[in-house]
mmCIF file of all heavy atoms, coordinates in Angstrom:
data_MODEL
# 
_entry.id   MODEL 
# 
loop_
_atom_site.group_PDB 
_atom_site.id 
_atom_site.type_symbol 
_atom_site.label_atom_id 
_atom_site.label_alt_id 
_atom_site.label_comp_id 
_atom_site.label_asym_id 
_atom_site.label_entity_id 
_atom_site.label_seq_id 
_atom_site.pdbx_PDB_ins_code 
_atom_site.Cartn_x 
_atom_site.Cartn_y 
_atom_site.Cartn_z 
_atom_site.occupancy 
_atom_site.B_iso_or_equiv 
_atom_site.pdbx_formal_charge 
_atom_site.auth_seq_id 
_atom_site.auth_comp_id 
_atom_site.auth_asym_id 
_atom_site.auth_atom_id 
_atom_site.pdbx_PDB_model_num 
ATOM 1   N N   . VAL A 1 1  ? 11.764 12.773 -82.272 1.00 0.00 ? 1  VAL A N   1 
ATOM 2   C CA  . VAL A 1 1  ? 12.434 11.792 -81.358 1.00 0.00 ? 1  VAL A CA  1 
ATOM 3   C C   . VAL A 1 1  ? 12.259 12.262 -79.947 1.00 0.00 ? 1  VAL A C   1 
ATOM 4   O O   . VAL A 1 1  ? 13.155 12.857 -79.371 1.00 0.00 ? 1  VAL A O   1 
ATOM 5   C CB  . VAL A 1 1  ? 13.926 11.647 -81.736 1.00 0.00 ? 1  VAL A CB  1 
ATOM 6   C CG1 . VAL A 1 1  ? 14.565 10.498 -80.966 1.00 0.00 ? 1  VAL A CG1 1 
ATOM 7   C CG2 . VAL A 1 1  ? 14.128 11.458 -83.214 1.00 0.00 ? 1  VAL A CG2 1 
ATOM 8   N N   . PRO A 1 2  ? 11.087 11.957 -79.330 1.00 0.00 ? 2  PRO A N   1 
ATOM 9   C CA  . PRO A 1 2  ? 10.786 12.537 -78.028 1.00 0.00 ? 2  PRO A CA  1 
ATOM 10  C C   . PRO A 1 2  ? 11.248 11.700 -76.838 1.00 0.00 ? 2  PRO A C   1 
ATOM 11  O O   . PRO A 1 2  ? 11.223 12.218 -75.696 1.00 0.00 ? 2  PRO A O   1 
ATOM 12  C CB  . PRO A 1 2  ? 9.268  12.654 -78.025 1.00 0.00 ? 2  PRO A CB  1 
ATOM 13  C CG  . PRO A 1 2  ? 8.832  11.486 -78.889 1.00 0.00 ? 2  PRO A CG  1 
ATOM 14  C CD  . PRO A 1 2  ? 9.932  11.319 -79.948 1.00 0.00 ? 2  PRO A CD  1 
ATOM 15  N N   . ASN A 1 3  ? 11.635 10.447 -77.039 1.00 0.00 ? 3  ASN A N   1 
ATOM 16  C CA  . ASN A 1 3  ? 11.996 9.622  -75.886 1.00 0.00 ? 3  ASN A CA  1 
ATOM 17  C C   . ASN A 1 3  ? 13.380 10.015 -75.313 1.00 0.00 ? 3  ASN A C   1 
ATOM 18  O O   . ASN A 1 3  ? 13.578 9.931  -74.106 1.00 0.00 ? 3  ASN A O   1 
ATOM 19  C CB  . ASN A 1 3  ? 12.025 8.140  -76.290 1.00 0.00 ? 3  ASN A CB  1 
ATOM 20  C CG  . ASN A 1 3  ? 12.436 7.264  -75.120 1.00 0.00 ? 3  ASN A CG  1 
ATOM 21  O OD1 . ASN A 1 3  ? 11.685 7.039  -74.192 1.00 0.00 ? 3  ASN A OD1 1 
ATOM 22  N ND2 . ASN A 1 3  ? 13.694 6.726  -75.176 1.00 0.00 ? 3  ASN A ND2 1 
ATOM 23  N N   . HIS A 1 4  ? 14.258 10.450 -76.165 1.00 0.00 ? 4  HIS A N   1 
ATOM 24  C CA  . HIS A 1 4  ? 15.638 10.732 -75.740 1.00 0.00 ? 4  HIS A CA  1 
ATOM 25  C C   . HIS A 1 4  ? 16.246 11.776 -76.637 1.00 0.00 ? 4  HIS A C   1 
ATOM 26  O O   . HIS A 1 4  ? 15.721 12.081 -77.703 1.00 0.00 ? 4  HIS A O   1 
ATOM 27  C CB  . HIS A 1 4  ? 16.515 9.469  -75.827 1.00 0.00 ? 4  HIS A CB  1 
ATOM 28  C CG  . HIS A 1 4  ? 16.403 8.767  -77.119 1.00 0.00 ? 4  HIS A CG  1 
ATOM 29  N ND1 . HIS A 1 4  ? 15.528 7.684  -77.379 1.00 0.00 ? 4  HIS A ND1 1 
ATOM 30  C CD2 . HIS A 1 4  ? 17.015 8.970  -78.329 1.00 0.00 ? 4  HIS A CD2 1 
ATOM 31  C CE1 . HIS A 1 4  ? 15.616 7.294  -78.616 1.00 0.00 ? 4  HIS A CE1 1 
ATOM 32  N NE2 . HIS A 1 4  ? 16.514 8.064  -79.218 1.00 0.00 ? 4  HIS A NE2 1 
ATOM 33  N N   . CYS A 1 5  ? 17.279 12.399 -76.182 1.00 0.00 ? 5  CYS A N   1 
ATOM 34  C CA  . CYS A 1 5  ? 18.010 13.379 -76.982 1.00 0.00 ? 5  CYS A CA  1 
ATOM 35  C C   . CYS A 1 5  ? 19.490 12.944 -77.035 1.00 0.00 ? 5  CYS A C   1 
ATOM 36  O O   . CYS A 1 5  ? 19.855 11.860 -76.621 1.00 0.00 ? 5  CYS A O   1 
ATOM 37  C CB  . CYS A 1 5  ? 17.880 14.781 -76.412 1.00 0.00 ? 5  CYS A CB  1 
ATOM 38  S SG  . CYS A 1 5  ? 18.583 15.022 -74.764 1.00 0.00 ? 5  CYS A SG  1 
ATOM 39  N N   . SER A 1 6  ? 20.346 13.836 -77.555 1.00 0.00 ? 6  SER A N   1 
ATOM 40  C CA  . SER A 1 6  ? 21.793 13.586 -77.533 1.00 0.00 ? 6  SER A CA  1 
ATOM 41  C C   . SER A 1 6  ? 22.397 14.031 -76.250 1.00 0.00 ? 6  SER A C   1 
ATOM 42  O O   . SER A 1 6  ? 21.942 14.948 -75.569 1.00 0.00 ? 6  SER A O   1 
ATOM 43  C CB  . SER A 1 6  ? 22.424 14.339 -78.704 1.00 0.00 ? 6  SER A CB  1 
ATOM 44  O OG  . SER A 1 6  ? 23.835 14.374 -78.568 1.00 0.00 ? 6  SER A OG  1 
ATOM 45  N N   . ASP A 1 7  ? 23.532 13.367 -75.881 1.00 0.00 ? 7  ASP A N   1 
ATOM 46  C CA  . ASP A 1 7  ? 24.231 13.841 -74.728 1.00 0.00 ? 7  ASP A CA  1 
ATOM 47  C C   . ASP A 1 7  ? 24.928 15.176 -74.984 1.00 0.00 ? 7  ASP A C   1 
ATOM 48  O O   . ASP A 1 7  ? 25.501 15.784 -74.068 1.00 0.00 ? 7  ASP A O   1 
ATOM 49  C CB  . ASP A 1 7  ? 25.248 12.772 -74.238 1.00 0.00 ? 7  ASP A CB  1 
ATOM 50  C CG  . ASP A 1 7  ? 26.319 12.442 -75.260 1.00 0.00 ? 7  ASP A CG  1 
ATOM 51  O OD1 . ASP A 1 7  ? 26.243 12.937 -76.415 1.00 0.00 ? 7  ASP A OD1 1 
ATOM 52  O OD2 . ASP A 1 7  ? 27.265 11.689 -74.922 1.00 0.00 ? 7  ASP A OD2 1 
ATOM 53  N N   . GLN A 1 8  ? 24.872 15.640 -76.235 1.00 0.00 ? 8  GLN A N   1 
ATOM 54  C CA  . GLN A 1 8  ? 25.398 16.972 -76.567 1.00 0.00 ? 8  GLN A CA  1 
ATOM 55  C C   . GLN A 1 8  ? 24.296 18.052 -76.598 1.00 0.00 ? 8  GLN A C   1 
ATOM 56  O O   . GLN A 1 8  ? 24.562 19.219 -76.881 1.00 0.00 ? 8  GLN A O   1 
ATOM 57  C CB  . GLN A 1 8  ? 26.077 16.949 -77.947 1.00 0.00 ? 8  GLN A CB  1 
ATOM 58  C CG  . GLN A 1 8  ? 27.193 15.924 -78.049 1.00 0.00 ? 8  GLN A CG  1 
ATOM 59  C CD  . GLN A 1 8  ? 28.310 16.239 -77.016 1.00 0.00 ? 8  GLN A CD  1 
ATOM 60  O OE1 . GLN A 1 8  ? 28.820 17.345 -76.952 1.00 0.00 ? 8  GLN A OE1 1 
ATOM 61  N NE2 . GLN A 1 8  ? 28.661 15.212 -76.247 1.00 0.00 ? 8  GLN A NE2 1 
ATOM 62  N N   . HIS A 1 9  ? 23.065 17.646 -76.286 1.00 0.00 ? 9  HIS A N   1 
ATOM 63  C CA  . HIS A 1 9  ? 21.971 18.631 -76.187 1.00 0.00 ? 9  HIS A CA  1 
ATOM 64  C C   . HIS A 1 9  ? 22.285 19.573 -75.024 1.00 0.00 ? 9  HIS A C   1 
ATOM 65  O O   . HIS A 1 9  ? 22.772 19.173 -73.960 1.00 0.00 ? 9  HIS A O   1 
ATOM 66  C CB  . HIS A 1 9  ? 20.653 17.883 -75.931 1.00 0.00 ? 9  HIS A CB  1 
ATOM 67  C CG  . HIS A 1 9  ? 19.438 18.725 -76.029 1.00 0.00 ? 9  HIS A CG  1 
ATOM 68  N ND1 . HIS A 1 9  ? 19.075 19.669 -75.089 1.00 0.00 ? 9  HIS A ND1 1 
ATOM 69  C CD2 . HIS A 1 9  ? 18.457 18.779 -76.984 1.00 0.00 ? 9  HIS A CD2 1 
ATOM 70  C CE1 . HIS A 1 9  ? 17.951 20.272 -75.436 1.00 0.00 ? 9  HIS A CE1 1 
ATOM 71  N NE2 . HIS A 1 9  ? 17.549 19.736 -76.584 1.00 0.00 ? 9  HIS A NE2 1 
ATOM 72  N N   . PRO A 1 10 ? 22.012 20.869 -75.173 1.00 0.00 ? 10 PRO A N   1 
ATOM 73  C CA  . PRO A 1 10 ? 22.343 21.854 -74.127 1.00 0.00 ? 10 PRO A CA  1 
ATOM 74  C C   . PRO A 1 10 ? 21.729 21.462 -72.778 1.00 0.00 ? 10 PRO A C   1 
ATOM 75  O O   . PRO A 1 10 ? 22.318 21.742 -71.735 1.00 0.00 ? 10 PRO A O   1 
ATOM 76  C CB  . PRO A 1 10 ? 21.739 23.156 -74.658 1.00 0.00 ? 10 PRO A CB  1 
ATOM 77  C CG  . PRO A 1 10 ? 21.787 23.039 -76.141 1.00 0.00 ? 10 PRO A CG  1 
ATOM 78  C CD  . PRO A 1 10 ? 21.528 21.575 -76.436 1.00 0.00 ? 10 PRO A CD  1 
ATOM 79  N N   . TRP A 1 11 ? 20.533 20.906 -72.802 1.00 0.00 ? 11 TRP A N   1 
ATOM 80  C CA  . TRP A 1 11 ? 19.937 20.500 -71.533 1.00 0.00 ? 11 TRP A CA  1 
ATOM 81  C C   . TRP A 1 11 ? 20.755 19.457 -70.811 1.00 0.00 ? 11 TRP A C   1 
ATOM 82  O O   . TRP A 1 11 ? 20.956 19.539 -69.599 1.00 0.00 ? 11 TRP A O   1 
ATOM 83  C CB  . TRP A 1 11 ? 18.550 19.877 -71.788 1.00 0.00 ? 11 TRP A CB  1 
ATOM 84  C CG  . TRP A 1 11 ? 17.418 20.881 -71.872 1.00 0.00 ? 11 TRP A CG  1 
ATOM 85  C CD1 . TRP A 1 11 ? 17.540 22.244 -71.798 1.00 0.00 ? 11 TRP A CD1 1 
ATOM 86  C CD2 . TRP A 1 11 ? 16.050 20.590 -71.969 1.00 0.00 ? 11 TRP A CD2 1 
ATOM 87  N NE1 . TRP A 1 11 ? 16.318 22.852 -71.895 1.00 0.00 ? 11 TRP A NE1 1 
ATOM 88  C CE2 . TRP A 1 11 ? 15.374 21.853 -72.018 1.00 0.00 ? 11 TRP A CE2 1 
ATOM 89  C CE3 . TRP A 1 11 ? 15.299 19.429 -72.099 1.00 0.00 ? 11 TRP A CE3 1 
ATOM 90  C CZ2 . TRP A 1 11 ? 13.955 21.928 -72.138 1.00 0.00 ? 11 TRP A CZ2 1 
ATOM 91  C CZ3 . TRP A 1 11 ? 13.937 19.506 -72.189 1.00 0.00 ? 11 TRP A CZ3 1 
ATOM 92  C CH2 . TRP A 1 11 ? 13.231 20.717 -72.237 1.00 0.00 ? 11 TRP A CH2 1 
ATOM 93  N N   . PHE A 1 12 ? 21.338 18.506 -71.551 1.00 0.00 ? 12 PHE A N   1 
ATOM 94  C CA  . PHE A 1 12 ? 22.088 17.453 -70.859 1.00 0.00 ? 12 PHE A CA  1 
ATOM 95  C C   . PHE A 1 12 ? 23.442 17.951 -70.404 1.00 0.00 ? 12 PHE A C   1 
ATOM 96  O O   . PHE A 1 12 ? 23.927 17.619 -69.341 1.00 0.00 ? 12 PHE A O   1 
ATOM 97  C CB  . PHE A 1 12 ? 22.241 16.212 -71.768 1.00 0.00 ? 12 PHE A CB  1 
ATOM 98  C CG  . PHE A 1 12 ? 22.715 15.024 -70.987 1.00 0.00 ? 12 PHE A CG  1 
ATOM 99  C CD1 . PHE A 1 12 ? 21.846 14.393 -70.104 1.00 0.00 ? 12 PHE A CD1 1 
ATOM 100 C CD2 . PHE A 1 12 ? 23.972 14.494 -71.154 1.00 0.00 ? 12 PHE A CD2 1 
ATOM 101 C CE1 . PHE A 1 12 ? 22.256 13.248 -69.385 1.00 0.00 ? 12 PHE A CE1 1 
ATOM 102 C CE2 . PHE A 1 12 ? 24.405 13.397 -70.433 1.00 0.00 ? 12 PHE A CE2 1 
ATOM 103 C CZ  . PHE A 1 12 ? 23.557 12.770 -69.542 1.00 0.00 ? 12 PHE A CZ  1 
ATOM 104 N N   . THR A 1 13 ? 24.031 18.834 -71.244 1.00 0.00 ? 13 THR A N   1 
ATOM 105 C CA  . THR A 1 13 ? 25.275 19.475 -70.796 1.00 0.00 ? 13 THR A CA  1 
ATOM 106 C C   . THR A 1 13 ? 25.080 20.226 -69.486 1.00 0.00 ? 13 THR A C   1 
ATOM 107 O O   . THR A 1 13 ? 25.889 20.151 -68.558 1.00 0.00 ? 13 THR A O   1 
ATOM 108 C CB  . THR A 1 13 ? 25.779 20.429 -71.874 1.00 0.00 ? 13 THR A CB  1 
ATOM 109 O OG1 . THR A 1 13 ? 25.950 19.697 -73.089 1.00 0.00 ? 13 THR A OG1 1 
ATOM 110 C CG2 . THR A 1 13 ? 27.077 21.095 -71.488 1.00 0.00 ? 13 THR A CG2 1 
ATOM 111 N N   . GLU A 1 14 ? 23.944 20.928 -69.421 1.00 0.00 ? 14 GLU A N   1 
ATOM 112 C CA  . GLU A 1 14 ? 23.622 21.642 -68.183 1.00 0.00 ? 14 GLU A CA  1 
ATOM 113 C C   . GLU A 1 14 ? 23.395 20.699 -67.014 1.00 0.00 ? 14 GLU A C   1 
ATOM 114 O O   . GLU A 1 14 ? 23.821 20.942 -65.870 1.00 0.00 ? 14 GLU A O   1 
ATOM 115 C CB  . GLU A 1 14 ? 22.340 22.498 -68.415 1.00 0.00 ? 14 GLU A CB  1 
ATOM 116 C CG  . GLU A 1 14 ? 21.921 23.327 -67.215 1.00 0.00 ? 14 GLU A CG  1 
ATOM 117 C CD  . GLU A 1 14 ? 20.595 24.068 -67.461 1.00 0.00 ? 14 GLU A CD  1 
ATOM 118 O OE1 . GLU A 1 14 ? 20.078 24.021 -68.590 1.00 0.00 ? 14 GLU A OE1 1 
ATOM 119 O OE2 . GLU A 1 14 ? 20.123 24.690 -66.503 1.00 0.00 ? 14 GLU A OE2 1 
ATOM 120 N N   . ALA A 1 15 ? 22.726 19.581 -67.317 1.00 0.00 ? 15 ALA A N   1 
ATOM 121 C CA  . ALA A 1 15 ? 22.432 18.592 -66.250 1.00 0.00 ? 15 ALA A CA  1 
ATOM 122 C C   . ALA A 1 15 ? 23.707 18.011 -65.660 1.00 0.00 ? 15 ALA A C   1 
ATOM 123 O O   . ALA A 1 15 ? 23.804 17.825 -64.461 1.00 0.00 ? 15 ALA A O   1 
ATOM 124 C CB  . ALA A 1 15 ? 21.529 17.494 -66.785 1.00 0.00 ? 15 ALA A CB  1 
ATOM 125 N N   . LEU A 1 16 ? 24.687 17.732 -66.498 1.00 0.00 ? 16 LEU A N   1 
ATOM 126 C CA  . LEU A 1 16 ? 25.950 17.142 -66.025 1.00 0.00 ? 16 LEU A CA  1 
ATOM 127 C C   . LEU A 1 16 ? 26.689 18.102 -65.157 1.00 0.00 ? 16 LEU A C   1 
ATOM 128 O O   . LEU A 1 16 ? 27.399 17.728 -64.221 1.00 0.00 ? 16 LEU A O   1 
ATOM 129 C CB  . LEU A 1 16 ? 26.833 16.698 -67.207 1.00 0.00 ? 16 LEU A CB  1 
ATOM 130 C CG  . LEU A 1 16 ? 26.329 15.512 -68.036 1.00 0.00 ? 16 LEU A CG  1 
ATOM 131 C CD1 . LEU A 1 16 ? 27.322 15.206 -69.147 1.00 0.00 ? 16 LEU A CD1 1 
ATOM 132 C CD2 . LEU A 1 16 ? 26.171 14.268 -67.142 1.00 0.00 ? 16 LEU A CD2 1 
ATOM 133 N N   . ALA A 1 17 ? 26.541 19.425 -65.430 1.00 0.00 ? 17 ALA A N   1 
ATOM 134 C CA  . ALA A 1 17 ? 27.246 20.417 -64.648 1.00 0.00 ? 17 ALA A CA  1 
ATOM 135 C C   . ALA A 1 17 ? 26.487 20.773 -63.362 1.00 0.00 ? 17 ALA A C   1 
ATOM 136 O O   . ALA A 1 17 ? 27.090 21.408 -62.467 1.00 0.00 ? 17 ALA A O   1 
ATOM 137 C CB  . ALA A 1 17 ? 27.423 21.686 -65.513 1.00 0.00 ? 17 ALA A CB  1 
ATOM 138 N N   . ALA A 1 18 ? 25.222 20.370 -63.299 1.00 0.00 ? 18 ALA A N   1 
ATOM 139 C CA  . ALA A 1 18 ? 24.406 20.754 -62.144 1.00 0.00 ? 18 ALA A CA  1 
ATOM 140 C C   . ALA A 1 18 ? 24.515 19.678 -61.034 1.00 0.00 ? 18 ALA A C   1 
ATOM 141 O O   . ALA A 1 18 ? 25.049 18.587 -61.231 1.00 0.00 ? 18 ALA A O   1 
ATOM 142 C CB  . ALA A 1 18 ? 22.939 20.872 -62.561 1.00 0.00 ? 18 ALA A CB  1 
ATOM 143 N N   . ALA A 1 19 ? 24.000 20.010 -59.913 1.00 0.00 ? 19 ALA A N   1 
ATOM 144 C CA  . ALA A 1 19 ? 24.092 19.108 -58.752 1.00 0.00 ? 19 ALA A CA  1 
ATOM 145 C C   . ALA A 1 19 ? 22.915 18.129 -58.754 1.00 0.00 ? 19 ALA A C   1 
ATOM 146 O O   . ALA A 1 19 ? 21.861 18.349 -59.355 1.00 0.00 ? 19 ALA A O   1 
ATOM 147 C CB  . ALA A 1 19 ? 24.035 19.930 -57.460 1.00 0.00 ? 19 ALA A CB  1 
ATOM 148 N N   . PRO A 1 20 ? 23.097 16.980 -58.087 1.00 0.00 ? 20 PRO A N   1 
ATOM 149 C CA  . PRO A 1 20 ? 22.009 16.027 -57.923 1.00 0.00 ? 20 PRO A CA  1 
ATOM 150 C C   . PRO A 1 20 ? 20.791 16.731 -57.328 1.00 0.00 ? 20 PRO A C   1 
ATOM 151 O O   . PRO A 1 20 ? 20.949 17.562 -56.425 1.00 0.00 ? 20 PRO A O   1 
ATOM 152 C CB  . PRO A 1 20 ? 22.560 14.962 -56.996 1.00 0.00 ? 20 PRO A CB  1 
ATOM 153 C CG  . PRO A 1 20 ? 24.052 14.982 -57.262 1.00 0.00 ? 20 PRO A CG  1 
ATOM 154 C CD  . PRO A 1 20 ? 24.372 16.469 -57.505 1.00 0.00 ? 20 PRO A CD  1 
ATOM 155 N N   . GLY A 1 21 ? 19.597 16.386 -57.816 1.00 0.00 ? 21 GLY A N   1 
ATOM 156 C CA  . GLY A 1 21 ? 18.384 17.002 -57.320 1.00 0.00 ? 21 GLY A CA  1 
ATOM 157 C C   . GLY A 1 21 ? 18.029 18.331 -57.924 1.00 0.00 ? 21 GLY A C   1 
ATOM 158 O O   . GLY A 1 21 ? 17.004 18.928 -57.603 1.00 0.00 ? 21 GLY A O   1 
ATOM 159 N N   . SER A 1 22 ? 18.851 18.827 -58.877 1.00 0.00 ? 22 SER A N   1 
ATOM 160 C CA  . SER A 1 22 ? 18.620 20.145 -59.481 1.00 0.00 ? 22 SER A CA  1 
ATOM 161 C C   . SER A 1 22 ? 17.531 20.018 -60.528 1.00 0.00 ? 22 SER A C   1 
ATOM 162 O O   . SER A 1 22 ? 17.175 18.972 -61.039 1.00 0.00 ? 22 SER A O   1 
ATOM 163 C CB  . SER A 1 22 ? 19.892 20.626 -60.132 1.00 0.00 ? 22 SER A CB  1 
ATOM 164 O OG  . SER A 1 22 ? 20.322 19.756 -61.192 1.00 0.00 ? 22 SER A OG  1 
ATOM 165 N N   . ALA A 1 23 ? 16.969 21.205 -60.887 1.00 0.00 ? 23 ALA A N   1 
ATOM 166 C CA  . ALA A 1 23 ? 15.968 21.301 -61.946 1.00 0.00 ? 23 ALA A CA  1 
ATOM 167 C C   . ALA A 1 23 ? 16.507 20.825 -63.244 1.00 0.00 ? 23 ALA A C   1 
ATOM 168 O O   . ALA A 1 23 ? 15.789 20.230 -64.061 1.00 0.00 ? 23 ALA A O   1 
ATOM 169 C CB  . ALA A 1 23 ? 15.425 22.732 -62.015 1.00 0.00 ? 23 ALA A CB  1 
ATOM 170 N N   . ALA A 1 24 ? 17.800 21.076 -63.515 1.00 0.00 ? 24 ALA A N   1 
ATOM 171 C CA  . ALA A 1 24 ? 18.408 20.678 -64.770 1.00 0.00 ? 24 ALA A CA  1 
ATOM 172 C C   . ALA A 1 24 ? 18.414 19.144 -64.905 1.00 0.00 ? 24 ALA A C   1 
ATOM 173 O O   . ALA A 1 24 ? 18.171 18.589 -65.966 1.00 0.00 ? 24 ALA A O   1 
ATOM 174 C CB  . ALA A 1 24 ? 19.794 21.233 -64.906 1.00 0.00 ? 24 ALA A CB  1 
ATOM 175 N N   . ARG A 1 25 ? 18.729 18.465 -63.794 1.00 0.00 ? 25 ARG A N   1 
ATOM 176 C CA  . ARG A 1 25 ? 18.737 17.020 -63.853 1.00 0.00 ? 25 ARG A CA  1 
ATOM 177 C C   . ARG A 1 25 ? 17.360 16.421 -63.933 1.00 0.00 ? 25 ARG A C   1 
ATOM 178 O O   . ARG A 1 25 ? 17.171 15.291 -64.430 1.00 0.00 ? 25 ARG A O   1 
ATOM 179 C CB  . ARG A 1 25 ? 19.498 16.427 -62.666 1.00 0.00 ? 25 ARG A CB  1 
ATOM 180 C CG  . ARG A 1 25 ? 20.999 16.699 -62.762 1.00 0.00 ? 25 ARG A CG  1 
ATOM 181 C CD  . ARG A 1 25 ? 21.843 15.697 -62.007 1.00 0.00 ? 25 ARG A CD  1 
ATOM 182 N NE  . ARG A 1 25 ? 23.253 15.950 -62.291 1.00 0.00 ? 25 ARG A NE  1 
ATOM 183 C CZ  . ARG A 1 25 ? 24.235 15.225 -61.740 1.00 0.00 ? 25 ARG A CZ  1 
ATOM 184 N NH1 . ARG A 1 25 ? 23.988 14.280 -60.857 1.00 0.00 ? 25 ARG A NH1 1 
ATOM 185 N NH2 . ARG A 1 25 ? 25.501 15.490 -62.085 1.00 0.00 ? 25 ARG A NH2 1 
ATOM 186 N N   . ASP A 1 26 ? 16.353 17.135 -63.465 1.00 0.00 ? 26 ASP A N   1 
ATOM 187 C CA  . ASP A 1 26 ? 15.012 16.597 -63.432 1.00 0.00 ? 26 ASP A CA  1 
ATOM 188 C C   . ASP A 1 26 ? 14.406 16.526 -64.829 1.00 0.00 ? 26 ASP A C   1 
ATOM 189 O O   . ASP A 1 26 ? 13.368 15.865 -65.053 1.00 0.00 ? 26 ASP A O   1 
ATOM 190 C CB  . ASP A 1 26 ? 14.087 17.466 -62.576 1.00 0.00 ? 26 ASP A CB  1 
ATOM 191 C CG  . ASP A 1 26 ? 12.748 16.818 -62.319 1.00 0.00 ? 26 ASP A CG  1 
ATOM 192 O OD1 . ASP A 1 26 ? 12.734 15.656 -61.829 1.00 0.00 ? 26 ASP A OD1 1 
ATOM 193 O OD2 . ASP A 1 26 ? 11.729 17.412 -62.661 1.00 0.00 ? 26 ASP A OD2 1 
# 
């Protein structure tokens, strides 16, 4: 399933905690 992941995936958890423009959100 490469188009999307879960909002519980560690990457997305990290992205929500990161700032706009961060590598995690990218």
